Amino acid sequence: GPSFETPAEIRAVRTLGADAVGMSTVPEAILSRFLGLKVAAVSV
């Protein structure tokens, strides 16, 4: 982010296996696993 994705970028990550896109969550998931926390995530 903060700009939204382009249609070409969406086609690229769709080919790579993505089902949703966003600008957060992944850094916190990595940090949480680093800290030894169990993690789950839900996208609205």
PDB file of all heavy atoms in Angstrom:
ATOM      1  N   GLY A   1       0.841  -1.186   0.000  1.00  0.00           N
ATOM      2  CA  GLY A   1       0.000   0.000   0.000  1.00  0.00           C
ATOM      3  C   GLY A   1       0.887   1.251   0.000  1.00  0.00           C
ATOM      4  O   GLY A   1       2.104   1.166  -0.087  1.00  0.00           O
ATOM      5  N   PRO A   2       0.310   2.467   0.147  1.00  0.00           N
ATOM      6  CA  PRO A   2      -1.114   2.714   0.369  1.00  0.00           C
ATOM      7  C   PRO A   2      -1.963   2.754  -0.909  1.00  0.00           C
ATOM      8  O   PRO A   2      -3.184   2.760  -0.817  1.00  0.00           O
ATOM      9  CB  PRO A   2      -1.121   4.086   1.046  1.00  0.00           C
ATOM     10  CG  PRO A   2       0.064   4.785   0.468  1.00  0.00           C
ATOM     11  CD  PRO A   2       1.099   3.704   0.303  1.00  0.00           C
ATOM     12  N   SER A   3      -1.331   2.798  -2.076  1.00  0.00           N
ATOM     13  CA  SER A   3      -2.135   2.743  -3.294  1.00  0.00           C
ATOM     14  C   SER A   3      -2.714   1.345  -3.433  1.00  0.00           C
ATOM     15  O   SER A   3      -2.121   0.353  -2.985  1.00  0.00           O
ATOM     16  CB  SER A   3      -1.279   3.086  -4.522  1.00  0.00           C
ATOM     17  OG  SER A   3      -0.175   2.209  -4.625  1.00  0.00           O
ATOM     18  N   PHE A   4      -3.899   1.277  -4.035  1.00  0.00           N
ATOM     19  CA  PHE A   4      -4.510  -0.022  -4.277  1.00  0.00           C
ATOM     20  C   PHE A   4      -3.797  -0.734  -5.425  1.00  0.00           C
ATOM     21  O   PHE A   4      -3.051  -0.122  -6.205  1.00  0.00           O
ATOM     22  CB  PHE A   4      -6.002   0.134  -4.586  1.00  0.00           C
ATOM     23  CG  PHE A   4      -6.835   0.461  -3.378  1.00  0.00           C
ATOM     24  CD1 PHE A   4      -7.162   1.768  -3.074  1.00  0.00           C
ATOM     25  CD2 PHE A   4      -7.284  -0.545  -2.534  1.00  0.00           C
ATOM     26  CE1 PHE A   4      -7.915   2.081  -1.955  1.00  0.00           C
ATOM     27  CE2 PHE A   4      -8.034  -0.259  -1.415  1.00  0.00           C
ATOM     28  CZ  PHE A   4      -8.357   1.065  -1.119  1.00  0.00           C
ATOM     29  N   GLU A   5      -4.042  -2.029  -5.537  1.00  0.00           N
ATOM     30  CA  GLU A   5      -3.351  -2.851  -6.524  1.00  0.00           C
ATOM     31  C   GLU A   5      -3.859  -2.554  -7.935  1.00  0.00           C
ATOM     32  O   GLU A   5      -4.995  -2.125  -8.133  1.00  0.00           O
ATOM     33  CB  GLU A   5      -3.579  -4.334  -6.205  1.00  0.00           C
ATOM     34  CG  GLU A   5      -3.182  -4.738  -4.793  1.00  0.00           C
ATOM     35  CD  GLU A   5      -4.198  -4.344  -3.734  1.00  0.00           C
ATOM     36  OE1 GLU A   5      -5.395  -4.212  -4.075  1.00  0.00           O
ATOM     37  OE2 GLU A   5      -3.794  -4.129  -2.580  1.00  0.00           O
ATOM     38  N   THR A   6      -3.024  -2.827  -8.911  1.00  0.00           N
ATOM     39  CA  THR A   6      -3.438  -2.709 -10.306  1.00  0.00           C
ATOM     40  C   THR A   6      -4.090  -4.018 -10.749  1.00  0.00           C
ATOM     41  O   THR A   6      -3.851  -5.083 -10.153  1.00  0.00           O
ATOM     42  CB  THR A   6      -2.244  -2.418 -11.225  1.00  0.00           C
ATOM     43  OG1 THR A   6      -1.389  -3.588 -11.252  1.00  0.00           O
ATOM     44  CG2 THR A   6      -1.448  -1.220 -10.743  1.00  0.00           C
ATOM     45  N   PRO A   7      -4.904  -3.981 -11.801  1.00  0.00           N
ATOM     46  CA  PRO A   7      -5.455  -5.234 -12.323  1.00  0.00           C
ATOM     47  C   PRO A   7      -4.374  -6.249 -12.690  1.00  0.00           C
ATOM     48  O   PRO A   7      -4.562  -7.461 -12.492  1.00  0.00           O
ATOM     49  CB  PRO A   7      -6.253  -4.774 -13.544  1.00  0.00           C
ATOM     50  CG  PRO A   7      -6.679  -3.380 -13.204  1.00  0.00           C
ATOM     51  CD  PRO A   7      -5.503  -2.796 -12.458  1.00  0.00           C
ATOM     52  N   ALA A   8      -3.231  -5.767 -13.205  1.00  0.00           N
ATOM     53  CA  ALA A   8      -2.149  -6.687 -13.564  1.00  0.00           C
ATOM     54  C   ALA A   8      -1.571  -7.363 -12.327  1.00  0.00           C
ATOM     55  O   ALA A   8      -1.249  -8.564 -12.349  1.00  0.00           O
ATOM     56  CB  ALA A   8      -1.056  -5.939 -14.319  1.00  0.00           C
ATOM     57  N   GLU A   9      -1.431  -6.605 -11.235  1.00  0.00           N
ATOM     58  CA  GLU A   9      -0.928  -7.200  -9.998  1.00  0.00           C
ATOM     59  C   GLU A   9      -1.913  -8.235  -9.456  1.00  0.00           C
ATOM     60  O   GLU A   9      -1.500  -9.282  -8.944  1.00  0.00           O
ATOM     61  CB  GLU A   9      -0.671  -6.097  -8.970  1.00  0.00           C
ATOM     62  CG  GLU A   9       0.544  -5.246  -9.301  1.00  0.00           C
ATOM     63  CD  GLU A   9       0.658  -3.998  -8.445  1.00  0.00           C
ATOM     64  OE1 GLU A   9      -0.381  -3.534  -7.917  1.00  0.00           O
ATOM     65  OE2 GLU A   9       1.787  -3.475  -8.314  1.00  0.00           O
ATOM     66  N   ILE A  10      -3.187  -7.942  -9.581  1.00  0.00           N
ATOM     67  CA  ILE A  10      -4.195  -8.898  -9.127  1.00  0.00           C
ATOM     68  C   ILE A  10      -4.124 -10.177  -9.952  1.00  0.00           C
ATOM     69  O   ILE A  10      -4.181 -11.286  -9.418  1.00  0.00           O
ATOM     70  CB  ILE A  10      -5.599  -8.278  -9.177  1.00  0.00           C
ATOM     71  CG1 ILE A  10      -5.715  -7.135  -8.166  1.00  0.00           C
ATOM     72  CG2 ILE A  10      -6.667  -9.333  -8.931  1.00  0.00           C
ATOM     73  CD1 ILE A  10      -5.420  -7.535  -6.733  1.00  0.00           C
ATOM     74  N   ARG A  11      -3.971 -10.041 -11.269  1.00  0.00           N
ATOM     75  CA  ARG A  11      -3.846 -11.242 -12.105  1.00  0.00           C
ATOM     76  C   ARG A  11      -2.619 -12.039 -11.699  1.00  0.00           C
ATOM     77  O   ARG A  11      -2.636 -13.279 -11.680  1.00  0.00           O
ATOM     78  CB  ARG A  11      -3.768 -10.853 -13.585  1.00  0.00           C
ATOM     79  CG  ARG A  11      -5.071 -10.308 -14.153  1.00  0.00           C
ATOM     80  CD  ARG A  11      -5.040 -10.268 -15.676  1.00  0.00           C
ATOM     81  NE  ARG A  11      -3.994  -9.394 -16.205  1.00  0.00           N
ATOM     82  CZ  ARG A  11      -4.144  -8.097 -16.444  1.00  0.00           C
ATOM     83  NH1 ARG A  11      -5.309  -7.506 -16.179  1.00  0.00           N
ATOM     84  NH2 ARG A  11      -3.147  -7.386 -16.941  1.00  0.00           N
ATOM     85  N   ALA A  12      -1.525 -11.329 -11.350  1.00  0.00           N
ATOM     86  CA  ALA A  12      -0.277 -12.004 -10.972  1.00  0.00           C
ATOM     87  C   ALA A  12      -0.454 -12.820  -9.698  1.00  0.00           C
ATOM     88  O   ALA A  12      -0.098 -14.008  -9.643  1.00  0.00           O
ATOM     89  CB  ALA A  12       0.837 -10.977 -10.799  1.00  0.00           C
ATOM     90  N   VAL A  13      -1.017 -12.197  -8.648  1.00  0.00           N
ATOM     91  CA  VAL A  13      -1.131 -12.936  -7.385  1.00  0.00           C
ATOM     92  C   VAL A  13      -2.227 -13.999  -7.456  1.00  0.00           C
ATOM     93  O   VAL A  13      -2.162 -15.012  -6.752  1.00  0.00           O
ATOM     94  CB  VAL A  13      -1.373 -12.004  -6.176  1.00  0.00           C
ATOM     95  CG1 VAL A  13      -0.149 -11.163  -5.911  1.00  0.00           C
ATOM     96  CG2 VAL A  13      -2.606 -11.154  -6.337  1.00  0.00           C
ATOM     97  N   ARG A  14      -3.205 -13.776  -8.316  1.00  0.00           N
ATOM     98  CA  ARG A  14      -4.218 -14.822  -8.507  1.00  0.00           C
ATOM     99  C   ARG A  14      -3.555 -16.057  -9.108  1.00  0.00           C
ATOM    100  O   ARG A  14      -3.840 -17.185  -8.690  1.00  0.00           O
ATOM    101  CB  ARG A  14      -5.325 -14.296  -9.426  1.00  0.00           C
ATOM    102  CG  ARG A  14      -6.613 -15.084  -9.376  1.00  0.00           C
ATOM    103  CD  ARG A  14      -7.667 -14.444 -10.254  1.00  0.00           C
ATOM    104  NE  ARG A  14      -8.979 -15.023 -10.047  1.00  0.00           N
ATOM    105  CZ  ARG A  14     -10.066 -14.669 -10.707  1.00  0.00           C
ATOM    106  NH1 ARG A  14     -10.002 -13.708 -11.628  1.00  0.00           N
ATOM    107  NH2 ARG A  14     -11.225 -15.234 -10.461  1.00  0.00           N
ATOM    108  N   THR A  15      -2.658 -15.853 -10.061  1.00  0.00           N
ATOM    109  CA  THR A  15      -1.912 -16.965 -10.655  1.00  0.00           C
ATOM    110  C   THR A  15      -1.040 -17.651  -9.611  1.00  0.00           C
ATOM    111  O   THR A  15      -0.865 -18.879  -9.638  1.00  0.00           O
ATOM    112  CB  THR A  15      -1.040 -16.452 -11.814  1.00  0.00           C
ATOM    113  OG1 THR A  15      -1.866 -15.862 -12.806  1.00  0.00           O
ATOM    114  CG2 THR A  15      -0.217 -17.575 -12.426  1.00  0.00           C
ATOM    115  N   LEU A  16      -0.518 -16.861  -8.666  1.00  0.00           N
ATOM    116  CA  LEU A  16       0.350 -17.403  -7.617  1.00  0.00           C
ATOM    117  C   LEU A  16      -0.422 -18.141  -6.521  1.00  0.00           C
ATOM    118  O   LEU A  16       0.185 -18.800  -5.677  1.00  0.00           O
ATOM    119  CB  LEU A  16       1.173 -16.277  -6.992  1.00  0.00           C
ATOM    120  CG  LEU A  16       2.229 -15.638  -7.893  1.00  0.00           C
ATOM    121  CD1 LEU A  16       2.832 -14.406  -7.221  1.00  0.00           C
ATOM    122  CD2 LEU A  16       3.327 -16.627  -8.245  1.00  0.00           C
ATOM    123  N   GLY A  17      -1.756 -18.003  -6.524  1.00  0.00           N
ATOM    124  CA  GLY A  17      -2.557 -18.747  -5.557  1.00  0.00           C
ATOM    125  C   GLY A  17      -3.235 -17.925  -4.490  1.00  0.00           C
ATOM    126  O   GLY A  17      -3.764 -18.492  -3.523  1.00  0.00           O
ATOM    127  N   ALA A  18      -3.238 -16.586  -4.629  1.00  0.00           N
ATOM    128  CA  ALA A  18      -3.901 -15.744  -3.635  1.00  0.00           C
ATOM    129  C   ALA A  18      -5.410 -15.757  -3.820  1.00  0.00           C
ATOM    130  O   ALA A  18      -5.911 -15.882  -4.944  1.00  0.00           O
ATOM    131  CB  ALA A  18      -3.382 -14.312  -3.728  1.00  0.00           C
ATOM    132  N   ASP A  19      -6.123 -15.609  -2.708  1.00  0.00           N
ATOM    133  CA  ASP A  19      -7.582 -15.550  -2.720  1.00  0.00           C
ATOM    134  C   ASP A  19      -8.114 -14.197  -2.257  1.00  0.00           C
ATOM    135  O   ASP A  19      -9.285 -13.874  -2.481  1.00  0.00           O
ATOM    136  CB  ASP A  19      -8.151 -16.642  -1.807  1.00  0.00           C
ATOM    137  CG  ASP A  19      -7.746 -18.031  -2.265  1.00  0.00           C
ATOM    138  OD1 ASP A  19      -8.166 -18.440  -3.365  1.00  0.00           O
ATOM    139  OD2 ASP A  19      -6.989 -18.697  -1.534  1.00  0.00           O
ATOM    140  N   ALA A  20      -7.274 -13.420  -1.568  1.00  0.00           N
ATOM    141  CA  ALA A  20      -7.658 -12.085  -1.108  1.00  0.00           C
ATOM    142  C   ALA A  20      -6.390 -11.244  -1.004  1.00  0.00           C
ATOM    143  O   ALA A  20      -5.276 -11.784  -0.887  1.00  0.00           O
ATOM    144  CB  ALA A  20      -8.365 -12.133   0.233  1.00  0.00           C
ATOM    145  N   VAL A  21      -6.574  -9.926  -1.053  1.00  0.00           N
ATOM    146  CA  VAL A  21      -5.427  -9.021  -0.965  1.00  0.00           C
ATOM    147  C   VAL A  21      -5.704  -7.939   0.076  1.00  0.00           C
ATOM    148  O   VAL A  21      -6.851  -7.550   0.305  1.00  0.00           O
ATOM    149  CB  VAL A  21      -5.109  -8.344  -2.319  1.00  0.00           C
ATOM    150  CG1 VAL A  21      -4.632  -9.363  -3.327  1.00  0.00           C
ATOM    151  CG2 VAL A  21      -6.322  -7.580  -2.851  1.00  0.00           C
ATOM    152  N   GLY A  22      -4.630  -7.467   0.697  1.00  0.00           N
ATOM    153  CA  GLY A  22      -4.760  -6.407   1.675  1.00  0.00           C
ATOM    154  C   GLY A  22      -3.409  -5.808   2.019  1.00  0.00           C
ATOM    155  O   GLY A  22      -2.379  -6.221   1.482  1.00  0.00           O
ATOM    156  N   MET A  23      -3.429  -4.833   2.948  1.00  0.00           N
ATOM    157  CA  MET A  23      -2.233  -4.051   3.262  1.00  0.00           C
ATOM    158  C   MET A  23      -1.782  -4.227   4.709  1.00  0.00           C
ATOM    159  O   MET A  23      -1.146  -3.341   5.276  1.00  0.00           O
ATOM    160  CB  MET A  23      -2.507  -2.569   2.983  1.00  0.00           C
ATOM    161  CG  MET A  23      -2.954  -2.259   1.572  1.00  0.00           C
ATOM    162  SD  MET A  23      -3.370  -0.506   1.372  1.00  0.00           S
ATOM    163  CE  MET A  23      -4.161  -0.536  -0.246  1.00  0.00           C
ATOM    164  N   SER A  24      -2.113  -5.366   5.323  1.00  0.00           N
ATOM    165  CA  SER A  24      -1.767  -5.553   6.737  1.00  0.00           C
ATOM    166  C   SER A  24      -1.620  -7.031   7.047  1.00  0.00           C
ATOM    167  O   SER A  24      -1.434  -7.857   6.149  1.00  0.00           O
ATOM    168  CB  SER A  24      -2.869  -4.935   7.615  1.00  0.00           C
ATOM    169  OG  SER A  24      -4.094  -5.656   7.462  1.00  0.00           O
ATOM    170  N   THR A  25      -1.672  -7.361   8.323  1.00  0.00           N
ATOM    171  CA  THR A  25      -1.814  -8.721   8.867  1.00  0.00           C
ATOM    172  C   THR A  25      -0.548  -9.569   8.775  1.00  0.00           C
ATOM    173  O   THR A  25      -0.130 -10.160   9.773  1.00  0.00           O
ATOM    174  CB  THR A  25      -2.998  -9.466   8.211  1.00  0.00           C
ATOM    175  OG1 THR A  25      -4.198  -8.720   8.473  1.00  0.00           O
ATOM    176  CG2 THR A  25      -3.143 -10.875   8.736  1.00  0.00           C
ATOM    177  N   VAL A  26       0.067  -9.641   7.604  1.00  0.00           N
ATOM    178  CA  VAL A  26       1.238 -10.506   7.442  1.00  0.00           C
ATOM    179  C   VAL A  26       2.380 -10.106   8.378  1.00  0.00           C
ATOM    180  O   VAL A  26       2.981 -10.980   9.025  1.00  0.00           O
ATOM    181  CB  VAL A  26       1.685 -10.551   5.968  1.00  0.00           C
ATOM    182  CG1 VAL A  26       3.037 -11.238   5.833  1.00  0.00           C
ATOM    183  CG2 VAL A  26       0.634 -11.264   5.131  1.00  0.00           C
ATOM    184  N   PRO A  27       2.725  -8.802   8.504  1.00  0.00           N
ATOM    185  CA  PRO A  27       3.791  -8.466   9.452  1.00  0.00           C
ATOM    186  C   PRO A  27       3.468  -8.891  10.878  1.00  0.00           C
ATOM    187  O   PRO A  27       4.334  -9.402  11.591  1.00  0.00           O
ATOM    188  CB  PRO A  27       3.892  -6.936   9.345  1.00  0.00           C
ATOM    189  CG  PRO A  27       3.331  -6.597   8.024  1.00  0.00           C
ATOM    190  CD  PRO A  27       2.251  -7.609   7.776  1.00  0.00           C
ATOM    191  N   GLU A  28       2.198  -8.709  11.295  1.00  0.00           N
ATOM    192  CA  GLU A  28       1.824  -9.103  12.652  1.00  0.00           C
ATOM    193  C   GLU A  28       1.864 -10.618  12.825  1.00  0.00           C
ATOM    194  O   GLU A  28       2.215 -11.117  13.895  1.00  0.00           O
ATOM    195  CB  GLU A  28       0.430  -8.601  12.998  1.00  0.00           C
ATOM    196  CG  GLU A  28       0.291  -7.097  13.059  1.00  0.00           C
ATOM    197  CD  GLU A  28      -0.546  -6.560  11.916  1.00  0.00           C
ATOM    198  OE1 GLU A  28       0.022  -6.407  10.813  1.00  0.00           O
ATOM    199  OE2 GLU A  28      -1.742  -6.303  12.098  1.00  0.00           O
ATOM    200  N   ALA A  29       1.488 -11.343  11.779  1.00  0.00           N
ATOM    201  CA  ALA A  29       1.543 -12.805  11.859  1.00  0.00           C
ATOM    202  C   ALA A  29       2.985 -13.276  12.039  1.00  0.00           C
ATOM    203  O   ALA A  29       3.270 -14.155  12.865  1.00  0.00           O
ATOM    204  CB  ALA A  29       0.918 -13.423  10.614  1.00  0.00           C
ATOM    205  N   ILE A  30       3.894 -12.700  11.278  1.00  0.00           N
ATOM    206  CA  ILE A  30       5.310 -13.082  11.387  1.00  0.00           C
ATOM    207  C   ILE A  30       5.853 -12.718  12.763  1.00  0.00           C
ATOM    208  O   ILE A  30       6.533 -13.522  13.425  1.00  0.00           O
ATOM    209  CB  ILE A  30       6.127 -12.411  10.271  1.00  0.00           C
ATOM    210  CG1 ILE A  30       5.698 -12.931   8.901  1.00  0.00           C
ATOM    211  CG2 ILE A  30       7.630 -12.646  10.484  1.00  0.00           C
ATOM    212  CD1 ILE A  30       6.300 -12.181   7.727  1.00  0.00           C
ATOM    213  N   LEU A  31       5.573 -11.496  13.222  1.00  0.00           N
ATOM    214  CA  LEU A  31       6.034 -11.073  14.547  1.00  0.00           C
ATOM    215  C   LEU A  31       5.452 -11.963  15.646  1.00  0.00           C
ATOM    216  O   LEU A  31       6.146 -12.307  16.608  1.00  0.00           O
ATOM    217  CB  LEU A  31       5.640  -9.616  14.802  1.00  0.00           C
ATOM    218  CG  LEU A  31       6.463  -8.558  14.072  1.00  0.00           C
ATOM    219  CD1 LEU A  31       5.770  -7.201  14.157  1.00  0.00           C
ATOM    220  CD2 LEU A  31       7.876  -8.471  14.660  1.00  0.00           C
ATOM    221  N   SER A  32       4.196 -12.328  15.503  1.00  0.00           N
ATOM    222  CA  SER A  32       3.549 -13.157  16.516  1.00  0.00           C
ATOM    223  C   SER A  32       4.167 -14.540  16.597  1.00  0.00           C
ATOM    224  O   SER A  32       4.370 -15.087  17.691  1.00  0.00           O
ATOM    225  CB  SER A  32       2.045 -13.265  16.227  1.00  0.00           C
ATOM    226  OG  SER A  32       1.437 -11.994  16.298  1.00  0.00           O
ATOM    227  N   ARG A  33       4.477 -15.119  15.459  1.00  0.00           N
ATOM    228  CA  ARG A  33       5.142 -16.421  15.472  1.00  0.00           C
ATOM    229  C   ARG A  33       6.546 -16.287  16.069  1.00  0.00           C
ATOM    230  O   ARG A  33       7.008 -17.174  16.787  1.00  0.00           O
ATOM    231  CB  ARG A  33       5.205 -17.004  14.046  1.00  0.00           C
ATOM    232  CG  ARG A  33       3.853 -17.296  13.436  1.00  0.00           C
ATOM    233  CD  ARG A  33       3.016 -18.270  14.281  1.00  0.00           C
ATOM    234  NE  ARG A  33       3.719 -19.538  14.456  1.00  0.00           N
ATOM    235  CZ  ARG A  33       3.925 -20.120  15.637  1.00  0.00           C
ATOM    236  NH1 ARG A  33       3.495 -19.553  16.757  1.00  0.00           N
ATOM    237  NH2 ARG A  33       4.560 -21.274  15.685  1.00  0.00           N
ATOM    238  N   PHE A  34       7.230 -15.196  15.781  1.00  0.00           N
ATOM    239  CA  PHE A  34       8.535 -14.904  16.373  1.00  0.00           C
ATOM    240  C   PHE A  34       8.430 -14.860  17.899  1.00  0.00           C
ATOM    241  O   PHE A  34       9.316 -15.339  18.611  1.00  0.00           O
ATOM    242  CB  PHE A  34       9.039 -13.573  15.826  1.00  0.00           C
ATOM    243  CG  PHE A  34      10.238 -13.000  16.525  1.00  0.00           C
ATOM    244  CD1 PHE A  34      11.509 -13.528  16.331  1.00  0.00           C
ATOM    245  CD2 PHE A  34      10.106 -11.899  17.375  1.00  0.00           C
ATOM    246  CE1 PHE A  34      12.612 -12.984  16.974  1.00  0.00           C
ATOM    247  CE2 PHE A  34      11.200 -11.355  18.019  1.00  0.00           C
ATOM    248  CZ  PHE A  34      12.464 -11.902  17.824  1.00  0.00           C
ATOM    249  N   LEU A  35       7.321 -14.308  18.409  1.00  0.00           N
ATOM    250  CA  LEU A  35       7.116 -14.177  19.851  1.00  0.00           C
ATOM    251  C   LEU A  35       6.549 -15.444  20.487  1.00  0.00           C
ATOM    252  O   LEU A  35       6.401 -15.511  21.703  1.00  0.00           O
ATOM    253  CB  LEU A  35       6.170 -13.004  20.133  1.00  0.00           C
ATOM    254  CG  LEU A  35       6.701 -11.619  19.765  1.00  0.00           C
ATOM    255  CD1 LEU A  35       5.589 -10.576  19.853  1.00  0.00           C
ATOM    256  CD2 LEU A  35       7.875 -11.238  20.667  1.00  0.00           C
ATOM    257  N   GLY A  36       6.222 -16.440  19.671  1.00  0.00           N
ATOM    258  CA  GLY A  36       5.709 -17.698  20.191  1.00  0.00           C
ATOM    259  C   GLY A  36       4.211 -17.732  20.392  1.00  0.00           C
ATOM    260  O   GLY A  36       3.690 -18.606  21.098  1.00  0.00           O
ATOM    261  N   LEU A  37       3.486 -16.802  19.765  1.00  0.00           N
ATOM    262  CA  LEU A  37       2.034 -16.764  19.870  1.00  0.00           C
ATOM    263  C   LEU A  37       1.393 -17.660  18.809  1.00  0.00           C
ATOM    264  O   LEU A  37       1.888 -17.742  17.678  1.00  0.00           O
ATOM    265  CB  LEU A  37       1.524 -15.336  19.681  1.00  0.00           C
ATOM    266  CG  LEU A  37       1.987 -14.285  20.694  1.00  0.00           C
ATOM    267  CD1 LEU A  37       1.531 -12.899  20.247  1.00  0.00           C
ATOM    268  CD2 LEU A  37       1.463 -14.607  22.076  1.00  0.00           C
ATOM    269  N   LYS A  38       0.293 -18.297  19.171  1.00  0.00           N
ATOM    270  CA  LYS A  38      -0.544 -18.962  18.176  1.00  0.00           C
ATOM    271  C   LYS A  38      -1.360 -17.889  17.462  1.00  0.00           C
ATOM    272  O   LYS A  38      -1.864 -16.959  18.099  1.00  0.00           O
ATOM    273  CB  LYS A  38      -1.476 -19.972  18.838  1.00  0.00           C
ATOM    274  CG  LYS A  38      -0.759 -21.148  19.483  1.00  0.00           C
ATOM    275  CD  LYS A  38      -1.763 -22.101  20.111  1.00  0.00           C
ATOM    276  CE  LYS A  38      -1.061 -23.294  20.757  1.00  0.00           C
ATOM    277  NZ  LYS A  38      -2.045 -24.222  21.381  1.00  0.00           N
ATOM    278  N   VAL A  39      -1.515 -18.030  16.148  1.00  0.00           N
ATOM    279  CA  VAL A  39      -2.146 -16.977  15.358  1.00  0.00           C
ATOM    280  C   VAL A  39      -3.240 -17.538  14.469  1.00  0.00           C
ATOM    281  O   VAL A  39      -3.112 -18.615  13.880  1.00  0.00           O
ATOM    282  CB  VAL A  39      -1.108 -16.270  14.451  1.00  0.00           C
ATOM    283  CG1 VAL A  39      -1.751 -15.115  13.687  1.00  0.00           C
ATOM    284  CG2 VAL A  39       0.062 -15.758  15.266  1.00  0.00           C
ATOM    285  N   ALA A  40      -4.336 -16.776  14.380  1.00  0.00           N
ATOM    286  CA  ALA A  40      -5.346 -16.989  13.347  1.00  0.00           C
ATOM    287  C   ALA A  40      -5.705 -15.620  12.789  1.00  0.00           C
ATOM    288  O   ALA A  40      -5.473 -14.589  13.433  1.00  0.00           O
ATOM    289  CB  ALA A  40      -6.582 -17.680  13.907  1.00  0.00           C
ATOM    290  N   ALA A  41      -6.263 -15.595  11.584  1.00  0.00           N
ATOM    291  CA  ALA A  41      -6.614 -14.324  10.950  1.00  0.00           C
ATOM    292  C   ALA A  41      -7.883 -14.486  10.134  1.00  0.00           C
ATOM    293  O   ALA A  41      -8.081 -15.508   9.473  1.00  0.00           O
ATOM    294  CB  ALA A  41      -5.476 -13.828  10.054  1.00  0.00           C
ATOM    295  N   VAL A  42      -8.737 -13.468  10.200  1.00  0.00           N
ATOM    296  CA  VAL A  42      -9.983 -13.453   9.440  1.00  0.00           C
ATOM    297  C   VAL A  42     -10.052 -12.144   8.652  1.00  0.00           C
ATOM    298  O   VAL A  42      -9.854 -11.064   9.207  1.00  0.00           O
ATOM    299  CB  VAL A  42     -11.221 -13.573  10.349  1.00  0.00           C
ATOM    300  CG1 VAL A  42     -12.499 -13.514   9.515  1.00  0.00           C
ATOM    301  CG2 VAL A  42     -11.178 -14.856  11.160  1.00  0.00           C
ATOM    302  N   SER A  43     -10.336 -12.261   7.364  1.00  0.00           N
ATOM    303  CA  SER A  43     -10.529 -11.099   6.496  1.00  0.00           C
ATOM    304  C   SER A  43     -12.009 -10.810   6.332  1.00  0.00           C
ATOM    305  O   SER A  43     -12.797 -11.729   6.065  1.00  0.00           O
ATOM    306  CB  SER A  43      -9.914 -11.347   5.112  1.00  0.00           C
ATOM    307  OG  SER A  43      -8.517 -11.504   5.183  1.00  0.00           O
ATOM    308  N   VAL A  44     -12.375  -9.550   6.501  1.00  0.00           N
ATOM    309  CA  VAL A  44     -13.715  -9.085   6.141  1.00  0.00           C
ATOM    310  C   VAL A  44     -13.623  -8.576   4.701  1.00  0.00           C
ATOM    311  O   VAL A  44     -12.871  -7.639   4.413  1.00  0.00           O
ATOM    312  CB  VAL A  44     -14.195  -7.971   7.077  1.00  0.00           C
ATOM    313  CG1 VAL A  44     -15.481  -7.340   6.560  1.00  0.00           C
ATOM    314  CG2 VAL A  44     -14.401  -8.509   8.480  1.00  0.00           C
TER     315      VAL A  44
END
